[in-house]
C-alpha atoms as a PDB file:
ATOM      1  CA  MET A   1      65.237 228.990 -46.232  1.00  0.00           C
ATOM      2  CA  PHE A   2      66.109 225.766 -48.375  1.00  0.00           C
ATOM      3  CA  LEU A   3      69.364 226.635 -49.117  1.00  0.00           C
ATOM      4  CA  LYS A   4      70.181 226.393 -45.364  1.00  0.00           C
ATOM      5  CA  PRO A   5      72.694 224.076 -44.723  1.00  0.00           C
ATOM      6  CA  ALA A   6      70.253 222.659 -41.513  1.00  0.00           C
ATOM      7  CA  VAL A   7      67.406 222.141 -44.503  1.00  0.00           C
ATOM      8  CA  VAL A   8      69.135 220.933 -47.405  1.00  0.00           C
ATOM      9  CA  ARG A   9      70.706 218.060 -44.256  1.00  0.00           C
ATOM     10  CA  ALA A  10      67.652 217.841 -43.083  1.00  0.00           C
ATOM     11  CA  ILE A  11      65.953 217.342 -46.645  1.00  0.00           C
ATOM     12  CA  ASP A  12      68.849 215.068 -48.177  1.00  0.00           C
ATOM     13  CA  LYS A  13      68.649 212.362 -45.076  1.00  0.00           C
ATOM     14  CA  SER A  14      65.223 212.139 -45.035  1.00  0.00           C
ATOM     15  CA  ALA A  15      63.156 210.657 -47.997  1.00  0.00           C
ATOM     16  CA  VAL A  16      60.205 211.508 -46.495  1.00  0.00           C
ATOM     17  CA  ASN A  17      61.058 215.572 -46.245  1.00  0.00           C
ATOM     18  CA  ARG A  18      62.715 214.688 -50.183  1.00  0.00           C
ATOM     19  CA  LYS A  19      59.337 213.887 -51.600  1.00  0.00           C
ATOM     20  CA  LEU A  20      57.813 216.600 -49.568  1.00  0.00           C
ATOM     21  CA  TYR A  21      59.987 219.123 -50.853  1.00  0.00           C
ATOM     22  CA  LEU A  22      59.810 217.852 -54.427  1.00  0.00           C
ATOM     23  CA  ASN A  23      56.174 218.065 -54.144  1.00  0.00           C
ATOM     24  CA  ILE A  24      56.358 221.675 -53.049  1.00  0.00           C
ATOM     25  CA  LEU A  25      58.606 222.451 -55.827  1.00  0.00           C
ATOM     26  CA  ARG A  26      56.310 221.294 -58.005  1.00  0.00           C
ATOM     27  CA  GLU A  27      53.402 222.906 -57.220  1.00  0.00           C
ATOM     28  CA  TYR A  28      54.307 226.474 -56.396  1.00  0.00           C
ATOM     29  CA  ALA A  29      57.956 227.093 -58.998  1.00  0.00           C
ATOM     30  CA  ASP A  30      57.390 228.967 -61.829  1.00  0.00           C
ATOM     31  CA  GLY A  31      59.909 226.343 -64.009  1.00  0.00           C
ATOM     32  CA  TYR A  32      60.058 223.855 -66.456  1.00  0.00           C
ATOM     33  CA  GLN A  33      56.958 221.931 -66.863  1.00  0.00           C
ATOM     34  CA  PRO A  34      57.537 218.884 -68.330  1.00  0.00           C
ATOM     35  CA  GLU A  35      55.547 218.161 -72.520  1.00  0.00           C
ATOM     36  CA  MET A  36      54.266 214.580 -70.407  1.00  0.00           C
ATOM     37  CA  PRO A  37      54.221 212.711 -67.868  1.00  0.00           C
ATOM     38  CA  PHE A  38      56.328 210.168 -68.956  1.00  0.00           C
ATOM     39  CA  GLU A  39      59.055 212.477 -69.994  1.00  0.00           C
ATOM     40  CA  ILE A  40      61.681 212.001 -67.579  1.00  0.00           C
ATOM     41  CA  ALA A  41      61.348 208.655 -67.050  1.00  0.00           C
ATOM     42  CA  GLU A  42      61.549 208.184 -70.895  1.00  0.00           C
ATOM     43  CA  GLN A  43      64.739 209.460 -71.096  1.00  0.00           C
ATOM     44  CA  TYR A  44      66.684 208.230 -68.463  1.00  0.00           C
ATOM     45  CA  LEU A  45      64.490 204.297 -68.526  1.00  0.00           C
ATOM     46  CA  LEU A  46      65.249 204.212 -71.812  1.00  0.00           C
ATOM     47  CA  LYS A  47      69.081 204.906 -71.582  1.00  0.00           C
ATOM     48  CA  MET A  48      69.458 202.235 -68.423  1.00  0.00           C
ATOM     49  CA  ASP A  49      67.867 199.885 -71.064  1.00  0.00           C
ATOM     50  CA  ARG A  50      71.261 200.903 -73.677  1.00  0.00           C
ATOM     51  CA  LEU A  51      73.494 200.360 -70.954  1.00  0.00           C
ATOM     52  CA  CYS A  52      71.508 196.726 -69.734  1.00  0.00           C
ATOM     53  CA  GLU A  53      71.508 195.605 -73.697  1.00  0.00           C
ATOM     54  CA  LYS A  54      75.393 196.262 -73.880  1.00  0.00           C
ATOM     55  CA  HIS A  55      75.889 194.581 -70.876  1.00  0.00           C
ATOM     56  CA  GLN A  56      73.491 191.245 -72.095  1.00  0.00           C
ATOM     57  CA  VAL A  57      71.670 192.547 -68.785  1.00  0.00           C
ATOM     58  CA  ARG A  58      67.977 192.399 -69.301  1.00  0.00           C
ATOM     59  CA  LEU A  59      65.968 195.367 -67.891  1.00  0.00           C
ATOM     60  CA  HIS A  60      62.500 194.399 -66.332  1.00  0.00           C
ATOM     61  CA  LEU A  61      60.286 197.517 -65.640  1.00  0.00           C
ATOM     62  CA  LEU A  62      57.485 196.536 -62.791  1.00  0.00           C
ATOM     63  CA  SER A  63      55.261 198.822 -61.235  1.00  0.00           C
ATOM     64  CA  GLY A  64      54.491 198.873 -57.207  1.00  0.00           C
ATOM     65  CA  PRO A  65      51.462 198.791 -55.951  1.00  0.00           C
ATOM     66  CA  VAL A  66      48.964 200.818 -56.451  1.00  0.00           C
ATOM     67  CA  CYS A  67      45.992 201.990 -54.057  1.00  0.00           C
ATOM     68  CA  GLU A  68      42.525 201.548 -55.777  1.00  0.00           C
ATOM     69  CA  SER A  69      41.859 205.357 -55.706  1.00  0.00           C
ATOM     70  CA  LYS A  70      44.506 205.627 -58.395  1.00  0.00           C
ATOM     71  CA  THR A  71      42.202 203.282 -60.671  1.00  0.00           C
ATOM     72  CA  GLU A  72      41.587 206.026 -63.668  1.00  0.00           C
ATOM     73  CA  TYR A  73      44.813 208.389 -63.025  1.00  0.00           C
ATOM     74  CA  MET A  74      46.210 205.425 -64.135  1.00  0.00           C
ATOM     75  CA  LYS A  75      44.075 204.230 -67.045  1.00  0.00           C
ATOM     76  CA  SER A  76      44.904 207.656 -68.146  1.00  0.00           C
ATOM     77  CA  LEU A  77      48.340 207.341 -68.015  1.00  0.00           C
ATOM     78  CA  GLU A  78      48.348 204.392 -69.290  1.00  0.00           C
ATOM     79  CA  GLN A  79      46.935 206.049 -72.772  1.00  0.00           C
ATOM     80  CA  ILE A  80      49.794 208.571 -72.557  1.00  0.00           C
ATOM     81  CA  TRP A  81      51.766 205.391 -72.233  1.00  0.00           C
ATOM     82  CA  GLN A  82      50.597 203.598 -75.325  1.00  0.00           C
ATOM     83  CA  SER A  83      51.729 206.592 -77.078  1.00  0.00           C
ATOM     84  CA  GLY A  84      55.284 206.518 -76.557  1.00  0.00           C
ATOM     85  CA  PRO A  85      58.800 204.638 -76.885  1.00  0.00           C
ATOM     86  CA  LEU A  86      58.734 203.269 -72.886  1.00  0.00           C
ATOM     87  CA  SER A  87      55.398 200.861 -74.394  1.00  0.00           C
ATOM     88  CA  VAL A  88      57.312 199.047 -77.485  1.00  0.00           C
ATOM     89  CA  ARG A  89      60.080 198.022 -75.253  1.00  0.00           C
ATOM     90  CA  PHE A  90      58.111 197.697 -71.773  1.00  0.00           C
ATOM     91  CA  PRO A  91      54.733 196.543 -73.051  1.00  0.00           C
ATOM     92  CA  ASP A  92      53.256 194.480 -69.782  1.00  0.00           C
ATOM     93  CA  PHE A  93      54.220 197.867 -67.210  1.00  0.00           C
ATOM     94  CA  PHE A  94      50.259 198.457 -66.882  1.00  0.00           C
ATOM     95  CA  SER A  95      49.222 194.812 -66.569  1.00  0.00           C
ATOM     96  CA  SER A  96      52.338 193.839 -63.690  1.00  0.00           C
ATOM     97  CA  ILE A  97      50.589 196.515 -61.409  1.00  0.00           C
ATOM     98  CA  GLU A  98      48.885 195.035 -58.759  1.00  0.00           C
ATOM     99  CA  TYR A  99      45.624 197.244 -57.820  1.00  0.00           C
ATOM    100  CA  TYR A 100      44.983 196.849 -53.083  1.00  0.00           C
ATOM    101  CA  SER A 101      42.391 198.126 -51.234  1.00  0.00           C
ATOM    102  CA  VAL A 102      41.542 201.780 -49.921  1.00  0.00           C
ATOM    103  CA  ASP A 103      41.307 200.472 -46.269  1.00  0.00           C
ATOM    104  CA  ARG A 104      44.977 199.739 -46.320  1.00  0.00           C
ATOM    105  CA  ALA A 105      46.048 202.959 -46.924  1.00  0.00           C
ATOM    106  CA  GLU A 106      45.020 206.195 -44.579  1.00  0.00           C
ATOM    107  CA  ASP A 107      45.838 208.644 -47.177  1.00  0.00           C
ATOM    108  CA  GLY A 108      44.401 207.361 -50.402  1.00  0.00           C
ATOM    109  CA  THR A 109      47.863 206.920 -51.793  1.00  0.00           C
ATOM    110  CA  HIS A 110      50.480 205.217 -49.197  1.00  0.00           C
ATOM    111  CA  PHE A 111      50.437 201.942 -46.647  1.00  0.00           C
ATOM    112  CA  SER A 112      49.641 202.511 -43.873  1.00  0.00           C
ATOM    113  CA  GLY A 113      49.502 200.895 -39.941  1.00  0.00           C
ATOM    114  CA  ALA A 114      50.288 196.863 -40.361  1.00  0.00           C
ATOM    115  CA  TYR A 115      50.623 197.031 -44.241  1.00  0.00           C
ATOM    116  CA  ALA A 116      53.690 198.962 -43.577  1.00  0.00           C
ATOM    117  CA  LYS A 117      55.589 197.216 -42.187  1.00  0.00           C
ATOM    118  CA  GLN A 118      58.696 195.575 -43.758  1.00  0.00           C
ATOM    119  CA  LYS A 119      57.455 192.291 -43.478  1.00  0.00           C
ATOM    120  CA  SER A 120      54.370 193.099 -45.016  1.00  0.00           C
ATOM    121  CA  MET A 121      56.125 194.898 -47.835  1.00  0.00           C
ATOM    122  CA  ASN A 122      58.045 191.949 -48.557  1.00  0.00           C
ATOM    123  CA  LYS A 123      55.491 189.095 -48.868  1.00  0.00           C
ATOM    124  CA  LYS A 124      54.312 192.069 -52.006  1.00  0.00           C
ATOM    125  CA  ILE A 125      57.427 192.186 -53.603  1.00  0.00           C
ATOM    126  CA  LYS A 126      57.402 188.104 -52.952  1.00  0.00           C
ATOM    127  CA  LYS A 127      54.307 187.867 -54.945  1.00  0.00           C
ATOM    128  CA  ILE A 128      55.090 191.129 -57.750  1.00  0.00           C
ATOM    129  CA  VAL A 129      58.411 189.156 -58.385  1.00  0.00           C
ATOM    130  CA  ALA A 130      56.340 185.922 -58.346  1.00  0.00           C
ATOM    131  CA  GLY A 131      53.735 186.594 -61.258  1.00  0.00           C
ATOM    132  CA  THR A 132      56.918 186.934 -63.876  1.00  0.00           C
ATOM    133  CA  ASP A 133      60.062 184.850 -64.696  1.00  0.00           C
ATOM    134  CA  LEU A 134      62.512 186.888 -62.765  1.00  0.00           C
ATOM    135  CA  LYS A 135      62.537 184.582 -59.820  1.00  0.00           C
ATOM    136  CA  ASP A 136      64.012 181.722 -61.936  1.00  0.00           C
ATOM    137  CA  GLN A 137      66.651 184.552 -63.220  1.00  0.00           C
ATOM    138  CA  LEU A 138      67.710 186.200 -60.346  1.00  0.00           C
ATOM    139  CA  ARG A 139      70.978 184.623 -59.303  1.00  0.00           C
ATOM    140  CA  TYR A 140      74.888 186.089 -58.170  1.00  0.00           C
ATOM    141  CA  GLN A 141      77.356 185.432 -60.170  1.00  0.00           C
END
């Protein structure tokens, strides 16, 4: 079913459909299982970091906001993070996490209602960037 052109187009054109499809694959497929949660991220983030360094660009890794319902899960991920090479290159990643209250997310994960509107998202992004030295470094040359 998922190889039919109409289904492929529907999945490809929608981030939500893509996420649902990938979750279904992860849940029900008997395929590759990573040894640790950051295996693929580690591979690509370190490659991106090397490319940025080669071109004299500094790569920053900041977390998106996380629902308070995921606090314990994030703590367990942080312990795994600390044992890998990403923690050396991005030591402040977990301290960059801004937790938001459960009442802002109907499903306990994703923003909903007024909090999911672009204007609200822009405020969150500005707040995250304001907590770093990125704001002073962002410029177009």
